[in-house]
Amino acid sequence: MKVIPCGTHITTKLNSIPGIITGLSIRFTMVSYEVSYFNGQDYKQIWLTESEFNFTGKKETIGFTKQ
């Protein structure tokens, strides 16, 4: 499975809020990304799917390979 790695800077599609991926959750074939950002002086975290943000860079392969 290919995922966007932690530490990747993103921008949300709604309101163009800049953030950074700080975690991910994989459930069956669905990947959700934990995005951390600042709202003024407040530190916030939100879970987003890949369709809700823009990023530049490459995805990385994770998981086990069959032998």
Protein backbone atom coordinates (compact mmCIF):
# COMPACT_ATOMS: atom_id res chain seq x y z
CA MET A 1 0.00 0.00 0.00
CA LYS A 2 1.24 3.49 -0.82
CA VAL A 3 0.67 6.30 1.69
CA ILE A 4 1.75 9.89 2.18
CA PRO A 5 4.55 9.87 4.79
CA CYS A 6 4.40 11.64 8.15
CA GLY A 7 6.14 15.00 8.09
CA THR A 8 4.64 15.96 4.72
CA HIS A 9 3.34 19.53 4.53
CA ILE A 10 -0.19 19.84 3.18
CA THR A 11 -2.80 22.51 2.47
CA THR A 12 -6.48 21.80 3.04
CA LYS A 13 -8.75 22.21 0.02
CA LEU A 14 -11.28 24.03 2.19
CA ASN A 15 -9.89 27.38 3.40
CA SER A 16 -6.28 26.54 2.29
CA ILE A 17 -5.11 25.92 5.86
CA PRO A 18 -1.45 24.76 6.00
CA GLY A 19 -0.67 21.72 8.14
CA ILE A 20 1.61 18.73 8.52
CA ILE A 21 0.80 15.01 8.53
CA THR A 22 1.56 13.66 11.99
CA GLY A 23 -0.10 10.23 11.84
CA LEU A 24 -2.16 7.87 9.77
CA SER A 25 -4.80 5.22 10.28
CA ILE A 26 -5.41 2.29 7.94
CA ARG A 27 -8.71 0.43 8.15
CA PHE A 28 -9.17 -2.18 5.43
CA THR A 29 -8.43 -0.13 2.27
CA MET A 30 -9.26 3.31 3.77
CA VAL A 31 -6.41 5.60 4.83
CA SER A 32 -7.04 8.61 7.10
CA TYR A 33 -4.35 11.14 7.88
CA GLU A 34 -3.92 13.04 11.14
CA VAL A 35 -3.09 16.64 10.25
CA SER A 36 -1.71 19.06 12.83
CA TYR A 37 -1.99 22.82 12.35
CA PHE A 38 -2.27 26.13 14.19
CA ASN A 39 -5.45 28.18 14.34
CA GLY A 40 -4.13 31.49 15.61
CA GLN A 41 -2.35 30.54 18.85
CA ASP A 42 -4.24 27.25 19.23
CA TYR A 43 -2.68 23.92 18.22
CA LYS A 44 -5.23 21.68 16.49
CA GLN A 45 -5.39 18.16 15.03
CA ILE A 46 -7.92 16.78 12.57
CA TRP A 47 -8.37 13.54 10.62
CA LEU A 48 -8.66 13.97 6.84
CA THR A 49 -8.78 11.72 3.80
CA GLU A 50 -6.46 12.33 0.87
CA SER A 51 -9.29 13.90 -1.14
CA GLU A 52 -9.55 16.74 1.41
CA PHE A 53 -6.04 18.19 1.03
CA ASN A 54 -3.29 18.98 -1.48
CA PHE A 55 0.34 17.94 -1.13
CA THR A 56 3.51 17.80 -3.14
CA GLY A 57 5.90 14.91 -2.95
CA LYS A 58 5.73 11.17 -3.33
CA LYS A 59 3.87 8.43 -1.57
CA GLU A 60 5.84 5.67 0.16
CA THR A 61 5.14 1.96 0.11
CA ILE A 62 4.42 0.44 3.52
CA GLY A 63 3.48 -3.01 4.70
CA PHE A 64 4.87 -6.50 4.35
CA THR A 65 5.77 -8.19 1.11
CA LYS A 66 4.78 -11.76 0.34
CA GLN A 67 7.73 -14.15 0.30
